[in-house]
Amino acid sequence: MKYVPLNLIPTLVVPLLMAVSQSIAQTPQHDNRPRTASISGRVTVAGKPAANAVITLVETVSSPNAIDSLASFQAKTRTDGDGRYTITGLAEGRYHVSAQMKAFVDADSSTDSRLSRTLNLDEGEARETVDFGLIRGGVMTGKVIDDEGSPLIAQHVQLYTIDDQGQKRAYRISYMYEMPETDDRGVYRIYGLPPGRYIVSAGGGGGGDPIHFASGKFARTYHPDTTDEKQARVIEIKEGSEVTDVDIRFGSARKTYEAAGRVVDGDTGKPVPGIYISCKSKPEKDAPNIGYSTTTSADAQGNFRLHGLLPGRYQAGITDFQSETAYTGEDTEFEITNDKVSGVEVKVSPGASVSGVVVIDGAVAASQNQLQSISVYPAVSPASARYFAPQYRANGTVNADGTFTVKGLQTGRVTFRLRSLSGVLPIKRIERNGIEIKDAIEVRPGEKITGIRIVIYQAQGRIRGQIQITGGSTPDWRRLVARAERPATADESNPSDRIPVAIGRMGGSALIDEKGRFVIEGLPAGGYDLYINLIKDTADGDRELVNPPWSNQRVTVRENEETSVKITLRW
């Protein structure tokens, strides 16, 4: 089972707010915790001291109902002539420590090149030997050229690792926020690579990435000149090596076409300006949708043009994730054969709207200020659907007074999910005009639904756990996570019988630290299934949670109380 919305590994792209220093000079406001802990260590390159290496420390605050964390404190220092560093004045908490040397990789692992350590400090603890043993990473460089040998500029290059079983995985590294791109000579250069086996490709299109969309003019091609992944040449990267001439040569460019059309009001036939149009390739029967092909917007007369389309069938429809246009509509299908297409008409109509207020149960005024970080995500399951098939078409931001309005909803059955920076929020009840409702709301075309009141928990229950390992070696704690989930009710177990108005069961998650400890906070009172999951990398570069046989037990949480559990696992 995949849990794609969860960010399993915290992102450490945070501003460094402090000047270079060997100690902490700034603390969060109103933080009176004793700052008696410290960390120290040494950075070496091939066993020799690495002087002047940049060490960054980030304290994170675990957020309820999510695995990701929010940065609350940052510090920065450098190693001395012997490669040593010390950071003092730290409070009890969870920290990420990283050595920032982009051309170097961790000498201890060829599969995880991030130069970072995660640790939890107790009050007064002096954690020593937080060391980084580095080696110089390898380099891969080459050109991307067309079938005539001419260089291609601004071509994105995708790198994959190949494991011992021959399985490929999209390569990811902390400083590579975007795919490498060719320069004005058609040259790409990727540095800081851990020793290993790689294949590289360029070209292709779509892939569900509207930011790095490629028109598909060239088919995805692997080094040196093949569109067959099985024929891709494997490149061996060794410590500090540079492999050159890893060129990618495309075949003949594929001819692309354009489709022109207009957005009109389905009732009046009048043009509707300014609406964004997304065009997706239409999958074959039972095949997955490959995602966006292109996106554009209608002009003042409602006209639009879609460029870079390969032959095939497509669906064009409006896209409005910020609830700005208040329109809805069905996708229009068209086909590209061997010429451009015109007259693609996308019909829209005023969508339904939902407005109301979000309140925190029993919250004081200070807590109500948290409302502005909340978004309301109504999901519409079309009335024609034979089963619960929610579609998120728009969302609304909650105002300072708790009010919200979401426009542009399709006809169907509406359910709700609330999210904040800390993740999905537990909904206690939903009311309509003062009366509690438990089933999805039926929405008619253009209907304006008002009087919705969504009450969320201000839950203070928590589960504090300690894991003990018996047998075998100690696990990599970075890959373990604790997850508490409220068991499904009889109604939730049979979604075809009814659709509850609130989506998602209550629960929370927390990473397990290197001492085997975890705390899951923000839980409403009740019984929970507690899982200890293993985080596993997937072939597409994603991560999934794996449930080992020993991972489940029942835990009872009481209101505003802490429940302690001890779990013994045989590794």
Protein backbone atom coordinates (compact mmCIF):
# COMPACT_ATOMS: atom_id res chain seq x y z
CA MET A 1 0.00 0.00 0.00
CA LYS A 2 1.36 3.42 -0.96
CA TYR A 3 0.86 6.55 1.09
CA VAL A 4 1.85 9.06 -1.56
CA PRO A 5 0.63 12.26 0.23
CA LEU A 6 3.02 11.66 3.11
CA ASN A 7 6.44 13.24 2.90
CA LEU A 8 8.40 10.42 4.48
CA ILE A 9 11.77 12.14 4.49
CA PRO A 10 11.70 15.76 5.71
CA THR A 11 12.85 18.33 3.17
CA LEU A 12 15.71 20.42 4.44
CA VAL A 13 15.48 23.35 2.09
CA VAL A 14 15.43 26.05 4.76
CA PRO A 15 17.10 29.44 4.98
CA LEU A 16 20.23 29.63 7.08
CA LEU A 17 19.41 32.49 9.40
CA MET A 18 22.63 32.63 11.35
CA ALA A 19 26.12 33.86 10.66
CA VAL A 20 29.02 31.42 10.74
CA SER A 21 29.62 30.53 14.36
CA GLN A 22 30.72 27.72 16.63
CA SER A 23 27.73 28.15 18.93
CA ILE A 24 24.08 29.13 18.87
CA ALA A 25 23.42 32.86 18.97
CA GLN A 26 19.70 32.92 18.27
CA THR A 27 16.83 31.02 19.86
CA PRO A 28 13.15 30.81 18.95
CA GLN A 29 10.99 33.42 20.66
CA HIS A 30 9.30 32.34 23.89
CA ASP A 31 11.41 29.20 24.04
CA ASN A 32 12.49 28.76 27.65
CA ARG A 33 13.72 25.18 27.36
CA PRO A 34 17.10 24.47 28.96
CA ARG A 35 19.73 24.63 26.22
CA THR A 36 22.31 22.32 27.73
CA ALA A 37 22.84 19.77 24.94
CA SER A 38 25.52 19.76 22.26
CA ILE A 39 26.79 17.82 19.28
CA SER A 40 30.29 17.45 17.91
CA GLY A 41 32.03 15.44 15.28
CA ARG A 42 34.56 15.32 12.51
CA VAL A 43 34.45 15.48 8.75
CA THR A 44 37.03 13.59 6.73
CA VAL A 45 37.64 13.03 3.04
CA ALA A 46 39.24 9.68 2.28
CA GLY A 47 40.32 9.55 5.94
CA LYS A 48 41.96 12.98 5.95
CA PRO A 49 40.60 16.06 7.79
CA ALA A 50 38.19 18.18 5.76
CA ALA A 51 38.80 21.75 6.90
CA ASN A 52 36.23 24.48 6.33
CA ALA A 53 33.37 22.07 5.55
CA VAL A 54 29.99 23.71 6.12
CA ILE A 55 27.90 22.06 8.84
CA THR A 56 24.19 22.89 8.96
CA LEU A 57 21.93 21.99 11.86
CA VAL A 58 18.13 22.15 11.73
CA GLU A 59 15.84 21.42 14.66
CA THR A 60 12.44 20.12 13.59
CA VAL A 61 9.14 20.07 15.38
CA SER A 62 7.04 17.01 14.59
CA SER A 63 3.61 18.01 13.41
CA PRO A 64 0.48 16.06 14.41
CA ASN A 65 -1.16 13.77 11.86
CA ALA A 66 1.85 13.85 9.51
CA ILE A 67 5.30 12.35 9.21
CA ASP A 68 6.89 15.49 7.86
CA SER A 69 8.32 18.08 10.23
CA LEU A 70 8.52 21.84 10.44
CA ALA A 71 11.84 23.58 10.95
CA SER A 72 11.91 25.67 14.14
CA PHE A 73 15.62 26.44 14.53
CA GLN A 74 18.64 26.61 12.26
CA ALA A 75 22.36 27.00 12.81
CA LYS A 76 25.50 26.90 10.70
CA THR A 77 29.19 26.39 11.38
CA ARG A 78 32.42 25.20 9.73
CA THR A 79 34.98 22.58 10.56
CA ASP A 80 38.40 23.59 11.88
CA GLY A 81 41.81 22.61 10.50
CA ASP A 82 41.43 19.11 11.91
CA GLY A 83 37.97 18.69 10.38
CA ARG A 84 36.24 18.98 13.76
CA TYR A 85 33.14 20.97 14.71
CA THR A 86 31.05 21.60 17.83
CA ILE A 87 27.60 23.13 18.22
CA THR A 88 26.49 23.92 21.76
CA GLY A 89 23.47 25.49 23.46
CA LEU A 90 20.94 23.02 22.08
CA ALA A 91 17.59 22.17 23.64
CA GLU A 92 16.13 18.71 23.87
CA GLY A 93 14.70 17.80 20.48
CA ARG A 94 15.08 16.26 17.05
CA TYR A 95 17.82 17.55 14.74
CA HIS A 96 19.12 17.08 11.23
CA VAL A 97 22.84 17.66 10.80
CA SER A 98 24.33 17.89 7.33
CA ALA A 99 27.74 18.45 5.79
CA GLN A 100 27.40 20.58 2.69
CA MET A 101 30.02 19.53 0.16
CA LYS A 102 28.19 19.09 -3.10
CA ALA A 103 30.91 17.25 -5.00
CA PHE A 104 31.29 14.66 -2.22
CA VAL A 105 29.18 11.70 -1.13
CA ASP A 106 28.87 9.58 1.97
CA ALA A 107 31.60 6.95 2.08
CA ASP A 108 29.41 4.62 4.14
CA SER A 109 26.67 4.08 1.59
CA SER A 110 26.44 3.85 -2.18
CA THR A 111 22.64 3.96 -2.08
CA ASP A 112 22.12 7.07 0.07
CA SER A 113 24.39 9.92 -0.98
CA ARG A 114 22.89 12.57 1.32
CA LEU A 115 25.44 13.98 3.72
CA SER A 116 23.05 14.17 6.64
CA ARG A 117 22.39 12.57 10.00
CA THR A 118 19.18 12.58 12.04
CA LEU A 119 19.42 12.43 15.81
CA ASN A 120 17.42 13.12 18.94
CA LEU A 121 19.02 14.92 21.88
CA ASP A 122 17.97 14.62 25.49
CA GLU A 123 18.37 17.51 27.92
CA GLY A 124 22.04 17.90 28.84
CA GLU A 125 23.20 15.25 26.38
CA ALA A 126 26.58 15.76 24.71
CA ARG A 127 26.39 13.75 21.48
CA GLU A 128 29.86 13.16 20.14
CA THR A 129 31.25 11.49 17.04
CA VAL A 130 28.51 12.74 14.72
CA ASP A 131 31.02 12.15 11.97
CA PHE A 132 30.92 12.36 8.20
CA GLY A 133 33.31 10.20 6.21
CA LEU A 134 33.27 11.45 2.65
CA ILE A 135 34.65 10.49 -0.70
CA ARG A 136 34.71 12.50 -3.89
CA GLY A 137 31.76 11.65 -6.08
CA GLY A 138 32.02 10.74 -9.71
CA VAL A 139 31.09 12.80 -12.75
CA MET A 140 29.11 11.93 -15.85
CA THR A 141 29.08 14.26 -18.85
CA GLY A 142 28.05 14.13 -22.46
CA LYS A 143 26.03 15.77 -25.23
CA VAL A 144 22.45 15.51 -26.38
CA ILE A 145 22.33 15.73 -30.18
CA ASP A 146 19.82 15.24 -32.97
CA ASP A 147 20.04 12.74 -35.81
CA GLU A 148 22.33 15.11 -37.76
CA GLY A 149 24.73 15.58 -34.85
CA SER A 150 23.58 19.12 -33.98
CA PRO A 151 23.56 19.97 -30.25
CA LEU A 152 20.19 20.40 -28.52
CA ILE A 153 19.85 23.15 -25.94
CA ALA A 154 17.83 23.01 -22.68
CA GLN A 155 17.14 19.30 -22.93
CA HIS A 156 16.37 17.68 -19.59
CA VAL A 157 18.44 14.59 -18.78
CA GLN A 158 17.12 11.86 -16.50
CA LEU A 159 19.54 9.63 -14.59
CA TYR A 160 18.72 6.18 -13.20
CA THR A 161 20.62 3.84 -10.91
CA ILE A 162 20.80 0.12 -11.67
CA ASP A 163 20.89 -2.26 -8.71
CA ASP A 164 22.41 -5.74 -8.48
CA GLN A 165 19.17 -7.28 -9.75
CA GLY A 166 19.17 -5.03 -12.80
CA GLN A 167 16.26 -2.92 -11.58
CA LYS A 168 16.37 0.80 -12.37
CA ARG A 169 15.41 3.62 -10.02
CA ALA A 170 15.20 7.33 -10.74
CA TYR A 171 18.25 8.98 -9.20
CA ARG A 172 17.63 11.64 -6.57
CA ILE A 173 20.10 13.76 -4.63
CA SER A 174 19.52 16.62 -2.20
CA TYR A 175 21.06 19.40 -4.30
CA MET A 176 19.49 18.25 -7.58
CA TYR A 177 16.16 20.06 -7.23
CA GLU A 178 15.68 19.89 -11.00
CA MET A 179 16.72 17.46 -13.68
CA PRO A 180 20.10 18.29 -15.25
CA GLU A 181 19.78 20.33 -18.42
CA THR A 182 22.01 20.79 -21.47
CA ASP A 183 23.79 24.11 -22.01
CA ASP A 184 24.22 26.14 -25.20
CA ARG A 185 26.62 23.48 -26.52
CA GLY A 186 24.17 20.65 -25.85
CA VAL A 187 26.41 19.50 -22.99
CA TYR A 188 25.17 18.18 -19.63
CA ARG A 189 27.32 17.46 -16.59
CA ILE A 190 26.22 15.60 -13.46
CA TYR A 191 28.63 15.58 -10.51
CA GLY A 192 28.70 14.21 -6.98
CA LEU A 193 27.59 10.72 -8.01
CA PRO A 194 28.08 7.79 -5.61
CA PRO A 195 29.97 4.82 -7.02
CA GLY A 196 27.55 2.59 -8.87
CA ARG A 197 25.92 1.66 -12.17
CA TYR A 198 23.75 4.12 -14.09
CA ILE A 199 21.80 4.65 -17.29
CA VAL A 200 20.83 8.05 -18.69
CA SER A 201 18.08 9.24 -21.01
CA ALA A 202 16.55 12.36 -22.55
CA GLY A 203 13.46 13.24 -24.56
CA GLY A 204 9.93 11.96 -24.20
CA GLY A 205 7.08 14.12 -23.01
CA GLY A 206 4.17 14.52 -20.66
CA GLY A 207 4.73 12.21 -17.75
CA GLY A 208 2.44 14.19 -15.48
CA ASP A 209 4.98 16.96 -14.90
CA PRO A 210 3.48 20.33 -15.92
CA ILE A 211 6.63 22.18 -14.80
CA HIS A 212 9.15 20.21 -16.83
CA PHE A 213 6.80 19.38 -19.66
CA ALA A 214 8.46 18.27 -22.88
CA SER A 215 6.51 18.40 -26.11
CA GLY A 216 7.46 14.89 -27.13
CA LYS A 217 9.23 16.08 -30.30
CA PHE A 218 11.85 13.40 -29.61
CA ALA A 219 11.06 9.96 -28.24
CA ARG A 220 12.69 9.08 -24.93
CA THR A 221 16.17 7.95 -25.90
CA TYR A 222 18.82 6.19 -23.81
CA HIS A 223 22.58 6.45 -24.20
CA PRO A 224 23.88 6.01 -26.77
CA ASP A 225 21.00 6.06 -29.30
CA THR A 226 18.24 3.61 -28.40
CA THR A 227 14.59 4.01 -27.45
CA ASP A 228 14.62 0.50 -25.97
CA GLU A 229 15.44 0.68 -22.27
CA LYS A 230 16.79 -2.87 -22.38
CA GLN A 231 19.41 -1.75 -24.89
CA ALA A 232 20.59 1.21 -22.80
CA ARG A 233 24.34 1.15 -22.13
CA VAL A 234 25.19 0.94 -18.43
CA ILE A 235 27.76 3.45 -17.17
CA GLU A 236 30.05 2.45 -14.28
CA ILE A 237 30.91 5.34 -11.94
CA LYS A 238 33.84 4.94 -9.55
CA GLU A 239 35.02 7.11 -6.67
CA GLY A 240 36.29 10.45 -8.03
CA SER A 241 36.08 9.29 -11.64
CA GLU A 242 34.83 11.30 -14.60
CA VAL A 243 33.14 9.46 -17.44
CA THR A 244 32.93 11.56 -20.59
CA ASP A 245 31.23 11.26 -23.97
CA VAL A 246 28.07 9.74 -22.50
CA ASP A 247 26.18 11.15 -25.47
CA ILE A 248 22.51 10.70 -26.28
CA ARG A 249 21.66 10.79 -29.97
CA PHE A 250 18.04 11.19 -30.97
CA GLY A 251 16.52 9.69 -34.07
CA SER A 252 14.46 11.78 -36.45
CA ALA A 253 12.29 14.34 -34.73
CA ARG A 254 8.66 13.34 -34.48
CA LYS A 255 6.27 15.76 -36.13
CA THR A 256 3.89 17.43 -33.73
CA TYR A 257 0.61 19.22 -34.32
CA GLU A 258 -1.65 21.77 -32.67
CA ALA A 259 -5.30 21.83 -31.72
CA ALA A 260 -7.33 25.05 -31.65
CA GLY A 261 -10.63 25.58 -29.92
CA ARG A 262 -12.85 27.78 -27.82
CA VAL A 263 -14.36 27.77 -24.33
CA VAL A 264 -18.08 28.58 -24.37
CA ASP A 265 -20.96 28.73 -21.91
CA GLY A 266 -22.90 25.52 -22.41
CA ASP A 267 -26.26 27.27 -22.03
CA THR A 268 -25.73 30.54 -23.93
CA GLY A 269 -22.96 29.59 -26.34
CA LYS A 270 -21.10 32.79 -25.45
CA PRO A 271 -17.29 32.66 -25.12
CA VAL A 272 -15.80 32.35 -21.62
CA PRO A 273 -12.41 34.08 -21.31
CA GLY A 274 -9.39 33.45 -19.09
CA ILE A 275 -10.01 29.82 -18.20
CA TYR A 276 -7.04 27.44 -18.02
CA ILE A 277 -7.28 24.40 -20.28
CA SER A 278 -5.42 21.16 -19.65
CA CYS A 279 -4.98 18.61 -22.39
CA LYS A 280 -4.35 15.00 -21.45
CA SER A 281 -3.72 12.05 -23.69
CA LYS A 282 -6.64 9.65 -23.50
CA PRO A 283 -5.45 6.25 -22.30
CA GLU A 284 -6.42 3.04 -23.93
CA LYS A 285 -8.99 0.89 -22.14
CA ASP A 286 -7.74 -0.23 -18.70
CA ALA A 287 -4.43 1.63 -19.24
CA PRO A 288 -3.21 4.32 -16.83
CA ASN A 289 -3.42 7.99 -17.80
CA ILE A 290 0.09 9.34 -18.51
CA GLY A 291 -0.79 12.83 -17.26
CA TYR A 292 -0.70 16.31 -18.77
CA SER A 293 0.39 16.77 -22.33
CA THR A 294 0.13 20.53 -22.31
CA THR A 295 -1.65 23.39 -20.59
CA THR A 296 -2.80 26.76 -21.91
CA SER A 297 -5.35 29.49 -21.18
CA ALA A 298 -8.23 30.95 -23.15
CA ASP A 299 -7.87 34.52 -24.42
CA ALA A 300 -10.39 37.35 -24.09
CA GLN A 301 -12.59 35.75 -26.76
CA GLY A 302 -12.37 32.29 -25.19
CA ASN A 303 -9.99 30.97 -27.87
CA PHE A 304 -7.11 28.64 -27.05
CA ARG A 305 -4.36 26.70 -28.82
CA LEU A 306 -2.65 23.49 -27.72
CA HIS A 307 0.82 22.93 -29.17
CA GLY A 308 3.24 20.01 -29.47
CA LEU A 309 0.71 17.18 -29.76
CA LEU A 310 1.68 13.82 -31.19
CA PRO A 311 -0.87 11.71 -33.10
CA GLY A 312 -3.37 10.13 -30.73
CA ARG A 313 -6.58 10.74 -28.81
CA TYR A 314 -6.82 13.54 -26.24
CA GLN A 315 -9.14 15.03 -23.65
CA ALA A 316 -9.32 18.81 -23.18
CA GLY A 317 -11.02 20.34 -20.17
CA ILE A 318 -10.85 23.21 -17.73
CA THR A 319 -8.52 23.13 -14.75
CA ASP A 320 -9.15 25.36 -11.74
CA PHE A 321 -7.48 24.14 -8.56
CA GLN A 322 -7.72 27.55 -6.85
CA SER A 323 -11.48 27.95 -7.32
CA GLU A 324 -11.07 31.21 -9.24
CA THR A 325 -13.41 30.82 -12.23
CA ALA A 326 -16.43 29.17 -10.55
CA TYR A 327 -17.05 27.12 -13.69
CA THR A 328 -17.21 23.40 -14.25
CA GLY A 329 -17.48 21.26 -17.34
CA GLU A 330 -16.95 17.89 -18.96
CA ASP A 331 -13.82 17.02 -20.94
CA THR A 332 -14.00 17.21 -24.73
CA GLU A 333 -12.37 14.42 -26.71
CA PHE A 334 -10.55 14.91 -30.01
CA GLU A 335 -8.02 13.03 -32.13
CA ILE A 336 -4.79 14.08 -33.82
CA THR A 337 -3.95 12.03 -36.93
CA ASN A 338 -1.65 13.67 -39.48
CA ASP A 339 -2.79 17.30 -39.38
CA LYS A 340 -3.76 20.09 -37.00
CA VAL A 341 -7.23 20.11 -35.51
CA SER A 342 -9.60 23.05 -35.09
CA GLY A 343 -13.03 23.56 -33.61
CA VAL A 344 -12.37 21.85 -30.27
CA GLU A 345 -15.22 23.24 -28.18
CA VAL A 346 -15.05 23.01 -24.40
CA LYS A 347 -18.45 23.69 -22.87
CA VAL A 348 -18.62 25.00 -19.32
CA SER A 349 -21.34 26.07 -16.93
CA PRO A 350 -21.43 27.79 -13.55
CA GLY A 351 -20.49 25.23 -10.93
CA ALA A 352 -22.01 24.72 -7.54
CA SER A 353 -20.55 26.37 -4.47
CA VAL A 354 -20.21 25.49 -0.81
CA SER A 355 -19.67 28.04 1.94
CA GLY A 356 -19.50 27.83 5.68
CA VAL A 357 -17.20 28.08 8.66
CA VAL A 358 -14.48 25.96 10.25
CA VAL A 359 -14.19 25.97 14.05
CA ILE A 360 -11.84 24.22 16.45
CA ASP A 361 -13.72 22.39 19.17
CA GLY A 362 -13.16 24.03 22.56
CA ALA A 363 -10.39 26.26 21.20
CA VAL A 364 -9.30 29.46 22.89
CA ALA A 365 -8.87 32.62 20.82
CA ALA A 366 -5.16 32.00 20.31
CA SER A 367 -5.85 28.60 18.79
CA GLN A 368 -8.43 30.06 16.44
CA ASN A 369 -5.59 32.00 14.80
CA GLN A 370 -4.45 28.68 13.35
CA LEU A 371 -7.47 28.69 11.03
CA GLN A 372 -5.72 30.70 8.34
CA SER A 373 -3.32 27.83 7.66
CA ILE A 374 -6.21 25.47 6.85
CA SER A 375 -7.58 24.63 3.41
CA VAL A 376 -10.93 22.98 2.66
CA TYR A 377 -10.83 20.24 0.04
CA PRO A 378 -14.31 19.21 -1.09
CA ALA A 379 -14.31 16.04 -3.18
CA VAL A 380 -17.15 15.39 -5.61
CA SER A 381 -18.18 11.89 -6.54
CA PRO A 382 -20.25 12.20 -9.74
CA ALA A 383 -23.88 11.23 -9.35
CA SER A 384 -23.48 8.80 -12.26
CA ALA A 385 -20.61 6.94 -10.58
CA ARG A 386 -21.44 3.42 -9.42
CA TYR A 387 -18.96 3.69 -6.57
CA PHE A 388 -17.29 6.38 -4.46
CA ALA A 389 -14.91 8.11 -6.89
CA PRO A 390 -13.98 11.50 -5.42
CA GLN A 391 -12.61 14.16 -7.75
CA TYR A 392 -10.75 17.16 -6.31
CA ARG A 393 -11.44 20.00 -8.71
CA ALA A 394 -11.00 23.05 -6.44
CA ASN A 395 -10.18 24.01 -2.87
CA GLY A 396 -10.84 26.95 -0.61
CA THR A 397 -8.70 28.77 1.93
CA VAL A 398 -10.11 29.39 5.39
CA ASN A 399 -10.19 33.06 6.39
CA ALA A 400 -9.12 34.50 9.75
CA ASP A 401 -12.71 34.28 11.04
CA GLY A 402 -13.01 30.64 9.94
CA THR A 403 -15.24 31.29 6.93
CA PHE A 404 -14.63 29.66 3.56
CA THR A 405 -16.19 29.44 0.10
CA VAL A 406 -15.41 26.90 -2.62
CA LYS A 407 -16.72 27.46 -6.14
CA GLY A 408 -16.81 25.54 -9.37
CA LEU A 409 -18.01 22.19 -8.02
CA GLN A 410 -19.46 19.52 -10.26
CA THR A 411 -22.82 17.93 -9.72
CA GLY A 412 -22.67 14.92 -7.42
CA ARG A 413 -22.07 13.92 -3.82
CA VAL A 414 -19.72 16.21 -1.88
CA THR A 415 -17.47 15.14 0.97
CA PHE A 416 -14.83 17.12 2.86
CA ARG A 417 -11.20 16.88 3.85
CA LEU A 418 -9.27 19.55 5.76
CA ARG A 419 -5.51 20.05 5.52
CA SER A 420 -3.02 22.36 7.19
CA LEU A 421 0.76 22.60 7.18
CA SER A 422 0.76 19.70 9.64
CA GLY A 423 -1.26 17.39 7.42
CA VAL A 424 -4.84 16.12 7.34
CA LEU A 425 -6.94 17.42 10.24
CA PRO A 426 -9.37 15.21 12.18
CA ILE A 427 -13.00 16.26 11.70
CA LYS A 428 -15.24 15.80 14.72
CA ARG A 429 -18.55 16.54 13.02
CA ILE A 430 -20.10 18.48 10.13
CA GLU A 431 -23.32 20.44 10.46
CA ARG A 432 -25.65 22.04 7.93
CA ASN A 433 -27.87 24.81 9.25
CA GLY A 434 -27.26 23.59 12.79
CA ILE A 435 -28.10 19.93 12.13
CA GLU A 436 -25.35 17.30 12.15
CA ILE A 437 -24.95 15.42 8.86
CA LYS A 438 -23.06 12.19 8.39
CA ASP A 439 -23.60 11.38 4.72
CA ALA A 440 -22.26 13.13 1.63
CA ILE A 441 -24.18 16.21 0.48
CA GLU A 442 -26.10 15.92 -2.80
CA VAL A 443 -25.24 18.89 -5.01
CA ARG A 444 -27.30 19.99 -8.05
CA PRO A 445 -25.99 22.04 -11.00
CA GLY A 446 -25.14 25.61 -9.99
CA GLU A 447 -26.53 25.13 -6.47
CA LYS A 448 -25.24 27.41 -3.71
CA ILE A 449 -24.92 25.43 -0.49
CA THR A 450 -24.56 27.53 2.65
CA GLY A 451 -24.66 27.01 6.39
CA ILE A 452 -21.91 24.36 6.54
CA ARG A 453 -20.10 24.16 9.87
CA ILE A 454 -17.04 21.92 10.11
CA VAL A 455 -15.85 21.20 13.65
CA ILE A 456 -12.32 19.87 14.04
CA TYR A 457 -10.70 18.36 17.10
CA GLN A 458 -8.24 20.22 19.23
CA ALA A 459 -6.87 16.87 20.22
CA GLN A 460 -4.13 16.55 22.83
CA GLY A 461 -3.88 12.79 23.21
CA ARG A 462 -0.57 11.16 22.35
CA ILE A 463 1.15 7.80 22.06
CA ARG A 464 4.74 7.63 23.30
CA GLY A 465 6.52 4.49 22.29
CA GLN A 466 9.80 2.66 22.82
CA ILE A 467 10.93 -0.11 20.50
CA GLN A 468 13.29 -2.84 21.63
CA ILE A 469 15.02 -5.05 19.09
CA THR A 470 15.83 -8.70 19.73
CA GLY A 471 17.77 -11.01 17.44
CA GLY A 472 19.74 -10.01 14.39
CA SER A 473 21.32 -6.66 13.72
CA THR A 474 19.99 -3.24 14.66
CA PRO A 475 17.75 -1.76 11.94
CA ASP A 476 18.34 1.48 10.08
CA TRP A 477 16.11 3.65 12.27
CA ARG A 478 15.83 6.22 9.49
CA ARG A 479 13.61 3.75 7.66
CA LEU A 480 11.12 3.02 10.43
CA VAL A 481 7.92 4.96 11.09
CA ALA A 482 5.11 4.53 13.64
CA ARG A 483 1.56 5.02 12.43
CA ALA A 484 -1.66 5.13 14.49
CA GLU A 485 -4.96 4.73 12.66
CA ARG A 486 -8.53 4.60 13.96
CA PRO A 487 -10.10 1.28 12.87
CA ALA A 488 -12.76 1.47 10.20
CA THR A 489 -16.36 1.37 11.37
CA ALA A 490 -18.87 -1.01 9.86
CA ASP A 491 -20.15 1.76 7.57
CA GLU A 492 -16.65 2.71 6.45
CA SER A 493 -15.87 -0.93 5.71
CA ASN A 494 -18.77 -0.96 3.21
CA PRO A 495 -18.38 2.27 1.25
CA SER A 496 -20.93 1.15 -1.33
CA ASP A 497 -23.66 1.34 1.30
CA ARG A 498 -23.07 5.00 2.18
CA ILE A 499 -20.58 7.81 1.69
CA PRO A 500 -19.56 9.60 4.90
CA VAL A 501 -19.36 13.40 4.57
CA ALA A 502 -15.87 13.51 6.16
CA ILE A 503 -13.06 11.75 4.27
CA GLY A 504 -10.33 9.84 6.03
CA ARG A 505 -9.99 8.14 9.36
CA MET A 506 -8.31 9.80 12.31
CA GLY A 507 -4.74 9.02 13.13
CA GLY A 508 -1.18 10.23 13.01
CA SER A 509 2.40 9.26 12.22
CA ALA A 510 5.89 9.84 13.56
CA LEU A 511 9.40 8.90 12.53
CA ILE A 512 11.21 6.56 14.91
CA ASP A 513 14.48 8.01 16.19
CA GLU A 514 17.84 6.28 16.45
CA LYS A 515 17.07 5.30 20.06
CA GLY A 516 13.90 3.48 19.03
CA ARG A 517 11.57 6.20 20.38
CA PHE A 518 8.57 7.91 18.85
CA VAL A 519 5.71 10.22 19.83
CA ILE A 520 2.47 10.48 17.86
CA GLU A 521 0.62 13.63 18.92
CA GLY A 522 -2.71 15.32 18.31
CA LEU A 523 -4.88 12.19 18.65
CA PRO A 524 -8.55 12.34 19.70
CA ALA A 525 -9.60 9.87 22.39
CA GLY A 526 -10.35 6.36 21.21
CA GLY A 527 -8.86 3.08 20.10
CA TYR A 528 -6.14 2.95 17.43
CA ASP A 529 -4.30 0.34 15.45
CA LEU A 530 -0.58 1.00 15.88
CA TYR A 531 1.68 -0.01 13.01
CA ILE A 532 5.46 -0.05 12.79
CA ASN A 533 6.25 0.34 9.12
CA LEU A 534 9.39 -0.01 7.10
CA ILE A 535 10.03 2.71 4.49
CA LYS A 536 11.02 1.11 1.20
CA ASP A 537 12.32 2.82 -1.93
CA THR A 538 10.40 1.98 -5.09
CA ALA A 539 11.69 1.64 -8.63
CA ASP A 540 10.17 4.99 -9.70
CA GLY A 541 12.02 6.93 -7.00
CA ASP A 542 8.99 7.09 -4.69
CA ARG A 543 8.69 5.55 -1.23
CA GLU A 544 6.13 3.21 0.22
CA LEU A 545 5.31 1.82 3.66
CA VAL A 546 5.69 -1.91 4.17
CA ASN A 547 3.84 -3.71 6.95
CA PRO A 548 5.97 -6.51 8.41
CA PRO A 549 4.04 -9.35 10.15
CA TRP A 550 4.79 -7.94 13.62
CA SER A 551 3.63 -4.41 12.97
CA ASN A 552 0.10 -4.22 14.43
CA GLN A 553 -1.32 -3.80 17.94
CA ARG A 554 -4.30 -2.01 19.51
CA VAL A 555 -3.71 1.10 21.68
CA THR A 556 -6.27 3.13 23.63
CA VAL A 557 -5.81 6.91 23.82
CA ARG A 558 -7.55 9.03 26.44
CA GLU A 559 -8.44 12.70 26.07
CA ASN A 560 -5.50 15.01 26.88
CA GLU A 561 -3.45 12.09 28.20
CA GLU A 562 -0.33 10.24 27.13
CA THR A 563 -0.35 6.50 26.50
CA SER A 564 3.00 4.73 26.77
CA VAL A 565 3.73 1.56 24.84
CA LYS A 566 6.71 -0.76 24.61
CA ILE A 567 7.12 -2.84 21.50
CA THR A 568 9.55 -5.72 21.14
CA LEU A 569 10.46 -6.62 17.59
CA ARG A 570 12.50 -9.53 16.41
CA TRP A 571 14.68 -8.22 13.61
